[in-house]
Amino acid sequence: MGRPVERGSGDASGSAAQPELPPGQRLQRGWPVTHYGPVPKFRPERWEFRVFGATADGGKHCWTHEEFTSQPYTTVLADLHCVTKYSMLGAEWGGIPARAILEIAPPAPQVTHVMVWAEYGFSSNLRLADFASERTLFATHKDGELLTAEHGFPLRLVVPHLYAWKGPKWVRGVEYMTADRRGFWEERGYHNVGDPWKEQRYSYQEEPGDGPEL
């Protein structure tokens, strides 16, 4: 559901096609800057991307910025749905597929979830299936341009089928987990899954099995 779905094209009234939005969302023409805390300063000589936790080989895998960004680059045309109720449609995101990281540093067979870690200890948990989606991307570019610092440079996660908070800015690593654990916003009242098409905004909306107890 990452691409806009057109409604009304070719009907007898001749009205223009309109994009379908998740419930409660409004169309946003620009890209607002929203984040918690300050914008970190990028220091390439100190930057490191780590994969750790329940890896298949039991070890920790690390890449410098140059090594990480030299991985195969791909693009995904996808929308961004913010829990603050705006939706930005049809952006072209460029970067490294999450699946590539799973192939280079595979998880142990019992892994069910990942925790994506970012600057200042920020974190967001994802089901392994969501992280492994062919459209989940560690983005370095938007619409052919490098991300700005305010929008997550040098690296942000894009998970098009979930609310945008599930894709943190300023990502620094991934932890493989054999049991679910809530991330930063999930511990503070946001829904543990975050599907915008089901309007899963807040933890009080959770059904049994959606996440660990608060």
N, C-alpha and C. Protein backbone atom coordinates (compact mmCIF):
# COMPACT_ATOMS: atom_id res chain seq x y z
N MET A 1 0.82 -1.21 0.00
CA MET A 1 0.00 0.00 0.00
C MET A 1 0.85 1.25 0.00
N GLY A 2 2.09 1.14 -0.49
CA GLY A 2 2.96 2.30 -0.46
C GLY A 2 2.65 3.32 -1.52
N ARG A 3 2.10 2.88 -2.67
CA ARG A 3 1.82 3.81 -3.75
C ARG A 3 0.43 4.40 -3.59
N PRO A 4 0.21 5.68 -4.07
CA PRO A 4 -1.13 6.24 -4.04
C PRO A 4 -2.07 5.39 -4.88
N VAL A 5 -3.28 5.20 -4.39
CA VAL A 5 -4.31 4.49 -5.13
C VAL A 5 -5.30 5.51 -5.66
N GLU A 6 -5.47 5.55 -6.96
CA GLU A 6 -6.33 6.56 -7.55
C GLU A 6 -7.79 6.09 -7.54
N ARG A 7 -8.65 7.03 -7.23
CA ARG A 7 -10.08 6.75 -7.24
C ARG A 7 -10.76 7.74 -8.16
N GLY A 8 -11.74 7.28 -8.87
CA GLY A 8 -12.59 8.18 -9.65
C GLY A 8 -12.09 8.48 -11.04
N SER A 9 -10.95 7.91 -11.46
CA SER A 9 -10.45 8.20 -12.80
C SER A 9 -11.35 7.54 -13.83
N GLY A 10 -11.69 8.30 -14.87
CA GLY A 10 -12.49 7.75 -15.95
C GLY A 10 -13.96 7.64 -15.64
N ASP A 11 -14.44 8.25 -14.55
CA ASP A 11 -15.87 8.15 -14.27
C ASP A 11 -16.64 9.17 -15.09
N ALA A 12 -17.96 9.02 -15.08
CA ALA A 12 -18.80 9.84 -15.95
C ALA A 12 -18.74 11.31 -15.58
N SER A 13 -18.43 11.61 -14.33
CA SER A 13 -18.41 13.01 -13.91
C SER A 13 -17.17 13.74 -14.40
N GLY A 14 -16.14 12.97 -14.75
CA GLY A 14 -14.90 13.60 -15.22
C GLY A 14 -14.09 14.21 -14.10
N SER A 15 -14.39 13.87 -12.84
CA SER A 15 -13.65 14.45 -11.72
C SER A 15 -12.25 13.89 -11.68
N ALA A 16 -11.32 14.67 -11.15
CA ALA A 16 -9.92 14.26 -11.09
C ALA A 16 -9.75 13.13 -10.09
N ALA A 17 -8.78 12.27 -10.37
CA ALA A 17 -8.47 11.17 -9.46
C ALA A 17 -7.91 11.73 -8.16
N GLN A 18 -8.27 11.09 -7.05
CA GLN A 18 -7.79 11.52 -5.75
C GLN A 18 -7.03 10.37 -5.10
N PRO A 19 -5.91 10.67 -4.43
CA PRO A 19 -5.18 9.61 -3.75
C PRO A 19 -5.95 9.11 -2.54
N GLU A 20 -5.86 7.83 -2.31
CA GLU A 20 -6.48 7.25 -1.12
C GLU A 20 -5.51 7.35 0.04
N LEU A 21 -5.97 7.89 1.15
CA LEU A 21 -5.14 8.06 2.34
C LEU A 21 -5.60 7.11 3.43
N PRO A 22 -4.70 6.71 4.32
CA PRO A 22 -5.13 5.94 5.48
C PRO A 22 -6.12 6.75 6.31
N PRO A 23 -6.94 6.10 7.11
CA PRO A 23 -7.94 6.82 7.89
C PRO A 23 -7.31 7.86 8.82
N GLY A 24 -7.94 9.04 8.86
CA GLY A 24 -7.49 10.11 9.74
C GLY A 24 -6.33 10.93 9.22
N GLN A 25 -5.82 10.61 8.02
CA GLN A 25 -4.66 11.33 7.48
C GLN A 25 -5.09 12.44 6.53
N ARG A 26 -4.23 13.46 6.37
CA ARG A 26 -4.45 14.55 5.43
C ARG A 26 -3.25 14.63 4.49
N LEU A 27 -3.49 15.08 3.28
CA LEU A 27 -2.42 15.18 2.29
C LEU A 27 -1.50 16.35 2.62
N GLN A 28 -0.21 16.08 2.61
CA GLN A 28 0.80 17.10 2.90
C GLN A 28 1.61 17.36 1.64
N ARG A 29 1.68 18.61 1.21
CA ARG A 29 2.42 18.94 -0.01
C ARG A 29 3.92 19.05 0.22
N GLY A 30 4.32 19.56 1.37
CA GLY A 30 5.74 19.64 1.68
C GLY A 30 6.17 18.50 2.57
N TRP A 31 7.32 18.66 3.24
CA TRP A 31 7.82 17.65 4.15
C TRP A 31 8.18 18.31 5.47
N PRO A 32 7.27 18.31 6.44
CA PRO A 32 7.56 18.94 7.73
C PRO A 32 8.72 18.25 8.45
N VAL A 33 9.41 18.99 9.26
CA VAL A 33 10.48 18.44 10.09
C VAL A 33 9.88 18.10 11.45
N THR A 34 9.90 16.84 11.80
CA THR A 34 9.37 16.40 13.10
C THR A 34 10.36 15.41 13.71
N HIS A 35 10.79 15.67 14.92
CA HIS A 35 11.63 14.73 15.64
C HIS A 35 11.70 15.13 17.10
N TYR A 36 12.19 14.21 17.91
CA TYR A 36 12.36 14.45 19.34
C TYR A 36 13.84 14.68 19.61
N GLY A 37 14.16 15.80 20.26
CA GLY A 37 15.55 16.07 20.59
C GLY A 37 16.27 16.84 19.50
N PRO A 38 17.57 17.11 19.72
CA PRO A 38 18.35 17.91 18.78
C PRO A 38 18.78 17.11 17.55
N VAL A 39 19.19 17.83 16.52
CA VAL A 39 19.74 17.21 15.32
C VAL A 39 21.21 16.88 15.59
N PRO A 40 21.60 15.61 15.46
CA PRO A 40 22.99 15.26 15.76
C PRO A 40 23.96 15.75 14.69
N LYS A 41 25.17 15.98 15.08
CA LYS A 41 26.23 16.37 14.14
C LYS A 41 26.87 15.11 13.58
N PHE A 42 26.95 15.04 12.26
CA PHE A 42 27.53 13.88 11.60
C PHE A 42 29.05 13.98 11.60
N ARG A 43 29.71 12.99 12.18
CA ARG A 43 31.17 12.90 12.19
C ARG A 43 31.55 11.60 11.50
N PRO A 44 31.86 11.63 10.22
CA PRO A 44 32.08 10.40 9.46
C PRO A 44 33.17 9.50 10.03
N GLU A 45 34.19 10.10 10.63
CA GLU A 45 35.28 9.29 11.17
C GLU A 45 34.87 8.50 12.40
N ARG A 46 33.77 8.90 13.04
CA ARG A 46 33.29 8.20 14.24
C ARG A 46 32.03 7.38 13.96
N TRP A 47 31.45 7.56 12.79
CA TRP A 47 30.17 6.91 12.49
C TRP A 47 30.39 5.41 12.25
N GLU A 48 29.51 4.61 12.83
CA GLU A 48 29.58 3.16 12.68
C GLU A 48 28.16 2.60 12.67
N PHE A 49 27.92 1.66 11.78
CA PHE A 49 26.64 0.94 11.75
C PHE A 49 26.89 -0.46 12.29
N ARG A 50 26.06 -0.87 13.27
CA ARG A 50 26.27 -2.16 13.92
C ARG A 50 25.05 -3.06 13.76
N VAL A 51 25.28 -4.32 13.58
CA VAL A 51 24.25 -5.35 13.69
C VAL A 51 24.69 -6.29 14.80
N PHE A 52 23.85 -6.47 15.81
CA PHE A 52 24.25 -7.24 16.98
C PHE A 52 23.02 -7.95 17.55
N GLY A 53 23.19 -8.57 18.69
CA GLY A 53 22.09 -9.34 19.27
C GLY A 53 22.17 -10.79 18.82
N ALA A 54 21.01 -11.36 18.49
CA ALA A 54 20.94 -12.79 18.13
C ALA A 54 21.28 -12.99 16.65
N THR A 55 22.55 -12.76 16.32
CA THR A 55 23.00 -13.00 14.95
C THR A 55 23.24 -14.50 14.74
N ALA A 56 23.23 -14.91 13.48
CA ALA A 56 23.38 -16.34 13.18
C ALA A 56 24.73 -16.87 13.64
N ASP A 57 25.78 -16.04 13.56
CA ASP A 57 27.11 -16.50 13.95
C ASP A 57 27.48 -16.11 15.37
N GLY A 58 26.56 -15.43 16.06
CA GLY A 58 26.81 -15.04 17.45
C GLY A 58 27.69 -13.82 17.61
N GLY A 59 28.11 -13.22 16.51
CA GLY A 59 29.01 -12.08 16.58
C GLY A 59 28.33 -10.75 16.27
N LYS A 60 29.12 -9.68 16.38
CA LYS A 60 28.66 -8.33 16.05
C LYS A 60 29.29 -7.94 14.72
N HIS A 61 28.50 -7.29 13.85
CA HIS A 61 28.97 -6.88 12.54
C HIS A 61 28.95 -5.36 12.47
N CYS A 62 30.05 -4.78 11.99
CA CYS A 62 30.17 -3.32 11.98
C CYS A 62 30.64 -2.84 10.61
N TRP A 63 30.16 -1.66 10.22
CA TRP A 63 30.56 -1.02 8.98
C TRP A 63 30.86 0.45 9.25
N THR A 64 31.87 0.97 8.59
CA THR A 64 32.08 2.41 8.58
C THR A 64 31.03 3.04 7.65
N HIS A 65 30.97 4.36 7.65
CA HIS A 65 30.02 5.02 6.77
C HIS A 65 30.33 4.70 5.31
N GLU A 66 31.59 4.72 4.94
CA GLU A 66 31.97 4.42 3.56
C GLU A 66 31.62 2.98 3.19
N GLU A 67 31.86 2.06 4.10
CA GLU A 67 31.54 0.65 3.83
C GLU A 67 30.04 0.43 3.70
N PHE A 68 29.28 1.06 4.59
CA PHE A 68 27.84 0.85 4.56
C PHE A 68 27.22 1.43 3.29
N THR A 69 27.60 2.64 2.96
CA THR A 69 26.99 3.30 1.80
C THR A 69 27.52 2.75 0.47
N SER A 70 28.50 1.87 0.51
CA SER A 70 28.96 1.21 -0.71
C SER A 70 28.15 -0.04 -1.03
N GLN A 71 27.22 -0.39 -0.15
CA GLN A 71 26.35 -1.53 -0.42
C GLN A 71 25.44 -1.21 -1.61
N PRO A 72 24.90 -2.24 -2.27
CA PRO A 72 24.04 -2.01 -3.45
C PRO A 72 22.90 -1.04 -3.16
N TYR A 73 22.78 -0.05 -4.04
CA TYR A 73 21.81 1.04 -3.89
C TYR A 73 20.56 0.72 -4.70
N THR A 74 19.40 1.00 -4.11
CA THR A 74 18.15 0.80 -4.83
C THR A 74 17.20 1.93 -4.49
N THR A 75 16.11 2.05 -5.23
CA THR A 75 15.10 3.08 -4.95
C THR A 75 13.74 2.43 -4.74
N VAL A 76 12.93 3.08 -3.95
CA VAL A 76 11.56 2.64 -3.67
C VAL A 76 10.66 3.87 -3.77
N LEU A 77 9.59 3.76 -4.55
CA LEU A 77 8.60 4.83 -4.60
C LEU A 77 7.55 4.53 -3.55
N ALA A 78 7.46 5.40 -2.54
CA ALA A 78 6.62 5.07 -1.40
C ALA A 78 6.13 6.33 -0.69
N ASP A 79 5.02 6.17 -0.01
CA ASP A 79 4.44 7.25 0.78
C ASP A 79 5.02 7.25 2.19
N LEU A 80 4.84 8.35 2.89
CA LEU A 80 5.23 8.47 4.28
C LEU A 80 4.03 8.97 5.07
N HIS A 81 3.60 8.18 6.05
CA HIS A 81 2.42 8.52 6.85
C HIS A 81 2.87 8.80 8.29
N CYS A 82 2.73 10.04 8.71
CA CYS A 82 3.14 10.43 10.06
C CYS A 82 1.96 10.26 11.02
N VAL A 83 2.25 9.82 12.24
CA VAL A 83 1.19 9.65 13.23
C VAL A 83 0.54 10.98 13.61
N THR A 84 1.22 12.10 13.31
CA THR A 84 0.63 13.42 13.56
C THR A 84 -0.42 13.78 12.51
N LYS A 85 -0.72 12.83 11.61
CA LYS A 85 -1.85 12.86 10.69
C LYS A 85 -1.58 13.49 9.33
N TYR A 86 -0.31 13.71 8.98
CA TYR A 86 -0.06 14.13 7.60
C TYR A 86 0.51 12.95 6.81
N SER A 87 0.25 12.95 5.52
CA SER A 87 0.78 11.93 4.61
C SER A 87 1.45 12.62 3.43
N MET A 88 2.66 12.22 3.13
CA MET A 88 3.41 12.71 1.98
C MET A 88 3.46 11.56 0.97
N LEU A 89 2.93 11.80 -0.22
CA LEU A 89 2.75 10.72 -1.18
C LEU A 89 3.80 10.72 -2.28
N GLY A 90 4.14 9.52 -2.74
CA GLY A 90 4.91 9.34 -3.96
C GLY A 90 6.34 9.81 -3.93
N ALA A 91 7.01 9.74 -2.78
CA ALA A 91 8.42 10.11 -2.71
C ALA A 91 9.28 8.96 -3.24
N GLU A 92 10.40 9.31 -3.85
CA GLU A 92 11.37 8.29 -4.27
C GLU A 92 12.49 8.25 -3.23
N TRP A 93 12.58 7.13 -2.53
CA TRP A 93 13.59 6.94 -1.51
C TRP A 93 14.73 6.11 -2.09
N GLY A 94 15.94 6.49 -1.83
CA GLY A 94 17.09 5.75 -2.31
C GLY A 94 17.98 5.32 -1.17
N GLY A 95 18.51 4.11 -1.24
CA GLY A 95 19.40 3.65 -0.19
C GLY A 95 19.65 2.16 -0.25
N ILE A 96 19.88 1.56 0.90
CA ILE A 96 20.26 0.15 1.00
C ILE A 96 19.08 -0.63 1.55
N PRO A 97 18.62 -1.65 0.84
CA PRO A 97 17.48 -2.44 1.33
C PRO A 97 17.79 -3.12 2.66
N ALA A 98 16.80 -3.17 3.53
CA ALA A 98 16.99 -3.89 4.80
C ALA A 98 17.31 -5.35 4.54
N ARG A 99 16.74 -5.91 3.48
CA ARG A 99 17.01 -7.31 3.16
C ARG A 99 18.50 -7.57 2.89
N ALA A 100 19.18 -6.56 2.36
CA ALA A 100 20.61 -6.72 2.10
C ALA A 100 21.38 -6.91 3.40
N ILE A 101 20.97 -6.20 4.44
CA ILE A 101 21.63 -6.34 5.73
C ILE A 101 21.34 -7.71 6.32
N LEU A 102 20.11 -8.19 6.15
CA LEU A 102 19.76 -9.52 6.64
C LEU A 102 20.56 -10.60 5.94
N GLU A 103 20.93 -10.36 4.69
CA GLU A 103 21.73 -11.33 3.95
C GLU A 103 23.20 -11.28 4.36
N ILE A 104 23.72 -10.07 4.57
CA ILE A 104 25.13 -9.92 4.92
C ILE A 104 25.39 -10.37 6.36
N ALA A 105 24.47 -10.00 7.24
CA ALA A 105 24.59 -10.35 8.67
C ALA A 105 23.29 -11.02 9.09
N PRO A 106 23.09 -12.29 8.76
CA PRO A 106 21.80 -12.95 8.99
C PRO A 106 21.49 -13.12 10.48
N PRO A 107 20.20 -13.09 10.80
CA PRO A 107 19.77 -13.34 12.17
C PRO A 107 19.74 -14.84 12.47
N ALA A 108 19.76 -15.16 13.74
CA ALA A 108 19.58 -16.55 14.16
C ALA A 108 18.16 -17.00 13.82
N PRO A 109 17.94 -18.29 13.67
CA PRO A 109 16.62 -18.78 13.26
C PRO A 109 15.49 -18.39 14.21
N GLN A 110 15.79 -18.20 15.48
CA GLN A 110 14.74 -17.90 16.46
C GLN A 110 14.40 -16.42 16.57
N VAL A 111 15.01 -15.57 15.77
CA VAL A 111 14.74 -14.13 15.82
C VAL A 111 13.34 -13.84 15.29
N THR A 112 12.60 -13.04 16.04
CA THR A 112 11.23 -12.66 15.66
C THR A 112 11.05 -11.16 15.46
N HIS A 113 11.94 -10.36 16.06
CA HIS A 113 11.81 -8.90 16.03
C HIS A 113 13.20 -8.27 15.91
N VAL A 114 13.21 -7.02 15.54
CA VAL A 114 14.45 -6.24 15.57
C VAL A 114 14.18 -4.94 16.33
N MET A 115 15.23 -4.41 16.91
CA MET A 115 15.21 -3.07 17.46
C MET A 115 16.15 -2.22 16.61
N VAL A 116 15.62 -1.17 16.04
CA VAL A 116 16.44 -0.25 15.24
C VAL A 116 16.90 0.87 16.16
N TRP A 117 18.21 1.03 16.28
CA TRP A 117 18.79 2.01 17.18
C TRP A 117 19.29 3.23 16.41
N ALA A 118 19.11 4.40 16.99
CA ALA A 118 19.51 5.65 16.36
C ALA A 118 20.30 6.49 17.36
N GLU A 119 20.70 7.68 16.92
CA GLU A 119 21.46 8.58 17.79
C GLU A 119 20.70 8.87 19.09
N TYR A 120 21.49 9.18 20.13
CA TYR A 120 20.96 9.54 21.46
C TYR A 120 20.18 8.40 22.11
N GLY A 121 20.41 7.15 21.66
CA GLY A 121 19.74 6.02 22.27
C GLY A 121 18.29 5.83 21.85
N PHE A 122 17.85 6.57 20.82
CA PHE A 122 16.47 6.40 20.33
C PHE A 122 16.33 5.02 19.72
N SER A 123 15.15 4.42 19.85
CA SER A 123 14.95 3.08 19.34
C SER A 123 13.51 2.89 18.86
N SER A 124 13.33 1.95 17.94
CA SER A 124 12.00 1.56 17.47
C SER A 124 12.01 0.08 17.15
N ASN A 125 11.03 -0.64 17.71
CA ASN A 125 10.97 -2.08 17.49
C ASN A 125 10.08 -2.41 16.30
N LEU A 126 10.44 -3.48 15.60
CA LEU A 126 9.71 -3.93 14.42
C LEU A 126 9.63 -5.45 14.43
N ARG A 127 8.54 -5.98 13.93
CA ARG A 127 8.49 -7.41 13.66
C ARG A 127 9.50 -7.71 12.55
N LEU A 128 10.12 -8.87 12.61
CA LEU A 128 11.12 -9.22 11.61
C LEU A 128 10.52 -9.18 10.21
N ALA A 129 9.27 -9.61 10.06
CA ALA A 129 8.63 -9.60 8.74
C ALA A 129 8.50 -8.19 8.19
N ASP A 130 8.22 -7.20 9.06
CA ASP A 130 8.14 -5.81 8.60
C ASP A 130 9.50 -5.29 8.18
N PHE A 131 10.51 -5.63 8.97
CA PHE A 131 11.87 -5.20 8.65
C PHE A 131 12.35 -5.83 7.35
N ALA A 132 11.95 -7.08 7.11
CA ALA A 132 12.41 -7.83 5.94
C ALA A 132 11.61 -7.55 4.68
N SER A 133 10.62 -6.66 4.76
CA SER A 133 9.83 -6.33 3.57
C SER A 133 10.74 -5.83 2.45
N GLU A 134 10.40 -6.17 1.22
CA GLU A 134 11.21 -5.73 0.08
C GLU A 134 11.20 -4.22 -0.09
N ARG A 135 10.28 -3.51 0.59
CA ARG A 135 10.19 -2.07 0.47
C ARG A 135 10.80 -1.33 1.66
N THR A 136 11.27 -2.06 2.66
CA THR A 136 11.94 -1.42 3.80
C THR A 136 13.37 -1.06 3.40
N LEU A 137 13.75 0.17 3.69
CA LEU A 137 14.98 0.72 3.11
C LEU A 137 15.71 1.58 4.13
N PHE A 138 17.03 1.43 4.19
CA PHE A 138 17.86 2.38 4.90
C PHE A 138 18.17 3.52 3.92
N ALA A 139 17.43 4.60 4.04
CA ALA A 139 17.47 5.66 3.04
C ALA A 139 18.61 6.63 3.30
N THR A 140 19.29 6.96 2.20
CA THR A 140 20.30 8.02 2.20
C THR A 140 19.86 9.21 1.34
N HIS A 141 18.88 8.97 0.45
CA HIS A 141 18.41 9.99 -0.50
C HIS A 141 16.89 10.03 -0.54
N LYS A 142 16.38 11.18 -0.90
CA LYS A 142 14.96 11.35 -1.24
C LYS A 142 14.87 12.14 -2.53
N ASP A 143 14.12 11.60 -3.49
CA ASP A 143 13.95 12.24 -4.80
C ASP A 143 15.29 12.61 -5.43
N GLY A 144 16.26 11.71 -5.30
CA GLY A 144 17.56 11.87 -5.93
C GLY A 144 18.54 12.77 -5.21
N GLU A 145 18.13 13.34 -4.09
CA GLU A 145 19.00 14.24 -3.33
C GLU A 145 19.34 13.62 -1.98
N LEU A 146 20.56 13.89 -1.51
CA LEU A 146 20.93 13.44 -0.17
C LEU A 146 19.95 13.98 0.86
N LEU A 147 19.62 13.17 1.83
CA LEU A 147 18.81 13.65 2.93
C LEU A 147 19.49 14.83 3.62
N THR A 148 18.72 15.76 4.10
CA THR A 148 19.27 16.82 4.93
C THR A 148 19.43 16.31 6.35
N ALA A 149 20.21 17.01 7.15
CA ALA A 149 20.41 16.60 8.54
C ALA A 149 19.09 16.55 9.29
N GLU A 150 18.22 17.52 9.04
CA GLU A 150 16.93 17.58 9.75
C GLU A 150 16.03 16.41 9.40
N HIS A 151 16.22 15.84 8.22
CA HIS A 151 15.39 14.72 7.79
C HIS A 151 16.10 13.38 7.92
N GLY A 152 17.23 13.36 8.63
CA GLY A 152 17.81 12.08 8.99
C GLY A 152 19.17 11.74 8.44
N PHE A 153 19.80 12.65 7.67
CA PHE A 153 21.14 12.36 7.16
C PHE A 153 22.08 12.00 8.31
N PRO A 154 22.91 10.97 8.16
CA PRO A 154 23.21 10.26 6.91
C PRO A 154 22.34 9.06 6.62
N LEU A 155 21.47 8.66 7.56
CA LEU A 155 20.72 7.41 7.34
C LEU A 155 19.43 7.43 8.15
N ARG A 156 18.33 7.11 7.46
CA ARG A 156 17.07 6.92 8.16
C ARG A 156 16.41 5.66 7.61
N LEU A 157 15.62 5.03 8.43
CA LEU A 157 14.89 3.84 7.99
C LEU A 157 13.54 4.28 7.44
N VAL A 158 13.14 3.70 6.32
CA VAL A 158 11.83 3.95 5.73
C VAL A 158 11.09 2.61 5.68
N VAL A 159 9.95 2.55 6.37
CA VAL A 159 9.10 1.36 6.38
C VAL A 159 7.74 1.81 5.86
N PRO A 160 7.52 1.81 4.55
CA PRO A 160 6.36 2.49 3.97
C PRO A 160 5.00 2.04 4.47
N HIS A 161 4.88 0.78 4.87
CA HIS A 161 3.56 0.27 5.26
C HIS A 161 3.24 0.51 6.74
N LEU A 162 4.14 1.18 7.47
CA LEU A 162 3.90 1.52 8.86
C LEU A 162 4.02 3.03 9.06
N TYR A 163 3.51 3.53 10.19
CA TYR A 163 3.68 4.94 10.50
C TYR A 163 5.17 5.31 10.53
N ALA A 164 5.44 6.57 10.23
CA ALA A 164 6.83 7.00 10.03
C ALA A 164 7.69 6.89 11.28
N TRP A 165 7.11 6.92 12.49
CA TRP A 165 7.97 6.84 13.68
C TRP A 165 8.66 5.46 13.75
N LYS A 166 8.11 4.48 13.05
CA LYS A 166 8.74 3.16 13.02
C LYS A 166 10.03 3.16 12.20
N GLY A 167 10.27 4.21 11.46
CA GLY A 167 11.50 4.36 10.69
C GLY A 167 12.31 5.51 11.25
N PRO A 168 13.17 5.29 12.22
CA PRO A 168 13.89 6.39 12.88
C PRO A 168 14.85 7.12 11.94
N LYS A 169 15.09 8.37 12.26
CA LYS A 169 16.17 9.14 11.64
C LYS A 169 17.49 8.78 12.34
N TRP A 170 18.61 9.10 11.65
CA TRP A 170 19.95 9.01 12.23
C TRP A 170 20.25 7.60 12.78
N VAL A 171 19.91 6.61 11.98
CA VAL A 171 20.06 5.22 12.41
C VAL A 171 21.53 4.85 12.56
N ARG A 172 21.81 4.05 13.59
CA ARG A 172 23.18 3.60 13.83
C ARG A 172 23.31 2.09 13.95
N GLY A 173 22.20 1.37 14.02
CA GLY A 173 22.36 -0.07 14.12
C GLY A 173 21.04 -0.80 14.28
N VAL A 174 21.16 -2.13 14.22
CA VAL A 174 20.01 -3.02 14.35
C VAL A 174 20.36 -4.13 15.33
N GLU A 175 19.45 -4.37 16.25
CA GLU A 175 19.59 -5.46 17.21
C GLU A 175 18.58 -6.55 16.87
N TYR A 176 19.06 -7.76 16.68
CA TYR A 176 18.17 -8.90 16.45
C TYR A 176 17.67 -9.43 17.79
N MET A 177 16.36 -9.68 17.89
CA MET A 177 15.76 -10.08 19.16
C MET A 177 14.94 -11.36 18.99
N THR A 178 14.98 -12.20 20.01
CA THR A 178 14.20 -13.43 20.00
C THR A 178 12.86 -13.26 20.70
N ALA A 179 12.59 -12.07 21.22
CA ALA A 179 11.30 -11.72 21.81
C ALA A 179 11.09 -10.22 21.62
N ASP A 180 9.85 -9.80 21.56
CA ASP A 180 9.56 -8.39 21.32
C ASP A 180 9.89 -7.55 22.54
N ARG A 181 10.29 -6.32 22.29
CA ARG A 181 10.58 -5.35 23.33
C ARG A 181 10.23 -3.98 22.78
N ARG A 182 9.55 -3.17 23.54
CA ARG A 182 9.09 -1.87 23.04
C ARG A 182 10.24 -0.88 22.90
N GLY A 183 10.14 -0.04 21.84
CA GLY A 183 11.11 1.01 21.62
C GLY A 183 10.72 2.29 22.34
N PHE A 184 11.36 3.39 21.97
CA PHE A 184 11.20 4.67 22.67
C PHE A 184 9.74 5.13 22.71
N TRP A 185 9.12 5.32 21.55
CA TRP A 185 7.75 5.81 21.53
C TRP A 185 6.75 4.73 21.93
N GLU A 186 7.09 3.50 21.68
CA GLU A 186 6.19 2.41 22.06
C GLU A 186 6.08 2.29 23.58
N GLU A 187 7.14 2.65 24.29
CA GLU A 187 7.11 2.66 25.76
C GLU A 187 6.32 3.86 26.28
N ARG A 188 6.09 4.84 25.42
CA ARG A 188 5.45 6.09 25.84
C ARG A 188 4.05 6.25 25.26
N GLY A 189 3.42 5.13 24.94
CA GLY A 189 2.00 5.18 24.59
C GLY A 189 1.66 5.02 23.14
N TYR A 190 2.65 4.86 22.25
CA TYR A 190 2.34 4.62 20.85
C TYR A 190 2.11 3.13 20.62
N HIS A 191 1.34 2.84 19.58
CA HIS A 191 0.99 1.46 19.26
C HIS A 191 2.24 0.65 18.94
N ASN A 192 2.26 -0.60 19.36
CA ASN A 192 3.46 -1.41 19.17
C ASN A 192 3.68 -1.81 17.72
N VAL A 193 2.61 -1.86 16.90
CA VAL A 193 2.73 -2.27 15.50
C VAL A 193 2.78 -1.06 14.58
N GLY A 194 1.76 -0.18 14.65
CA GLY A 194 1.79 1.07 13.90
C GLY A 194 1.37 0.99 12.45
N ASP A 195 0.33 0.22 12.15
CA ASP A 195 -0.19 0.12 10.78
C ASP A 195 -1.14 1.30 10.52
N PRO A 196 -0.80 2.22 9.61
CA PRO A 196 -1.67 3.39 9.38
C PRO A 196 -3.01 3.03 8.77
N TRP A 197 -3.08 1.93 8.01
CA TRP A 197 -4.35 1.55 7.38
C TRP A 197 -5.33 0.97 8.38
N LYS A 198 -4.82 0.55 9.54
CA LYS A 198 -5.67 0.12 10.66
C LYS A 198 -5.76 1.21 11.72
N GLU A 199 -5.14 2.35 11.46
CA GLU A 199 -5.07 3.49 12.37
C GLU A 199 -4.58 3.07 13.77
N GLN A 200 -3.49 2.34 13.78
CA GLN A 200 -2.91 1.87 15.03
C GLN A 200 -1.96 2.93 15.57
N ARG A 201 -2.53 3.93 16.21
CA ARG A 201 -1.74 5.05 16.70
C ARG A 201 -1.24 4.86 18.12
N TYR A 202 -2.10 4.37 19.02
CA TYR A 202 -1.80 4.40 20.45
C TYR A 202 -1.94 3.02 21.08
N SER A 203 -1.21 2.84 22.19
CA SER A 203 -1.16 1.53 22.82
C SER A 203 -2.52 1.07 23.34
N TYR A 204 -3.41 2.01 23.69
CA TYR A 204 -4.72 1.58 24.20
C TYR A 204 -5.56 0.90 23.12
N GLN A 205 -5.16 1.04 21.85
CA GLN A 205 -5.86 0.39 20.76
C GLN A 205 -5.37 -1.03 20.50
N GLU A 206 -4.35 -1.46 21.20
CA GLU A 206 -3.74 -2.75 20.91
C GLU A 206 -4.67 -3.91 21.24
N GLU A 207 -4.58 -4.92 20.41
CA GLU A 207 -5.29 -6.18 20.62
C GLU A 207 -4.31 -7.18 21.23
N PRO A 208 -4.83 -8.25 21.85
CA PRO A 208 -3.94 -9.28 22.37
C PRO A 208 -2.99 -9.79 21.29
N GLY A 209 -1.71 -9.84 21.63
CA GLY A 209 -0.71 -10.29 20.68
C GLY A 209 -0.03 -9.18 19.91
N ASP A 210 -0.54 -7.94 20.03
CA ASP A 210 0.09 -6.82 19.30
C ASP A 210 1.42 -6.40 19.91
N GLY A 211 1.63 -6.70 21.19
CA GLY A 211 2.89 -6.29 21.79
C GLY A 211 3.00 -6.70 23.24
N PRO A 212 4.20 -6.56 23.80
CA PRO A 212 4.39 -6.90 25.22
C PRO A 212 3.69 -5.88 26.11
N GLU A 213 3.44 -6.30 27.32
CA GLU A 213 2.75 -5.44 28.28
C GLU A 213 3.59 -4.20 28.58
N LEU A 214 2.90 -3.08 28.77
CA LEU A 214 3.58 -1.86 29.16
C LEU A 214 3.94 -1.89 30.65
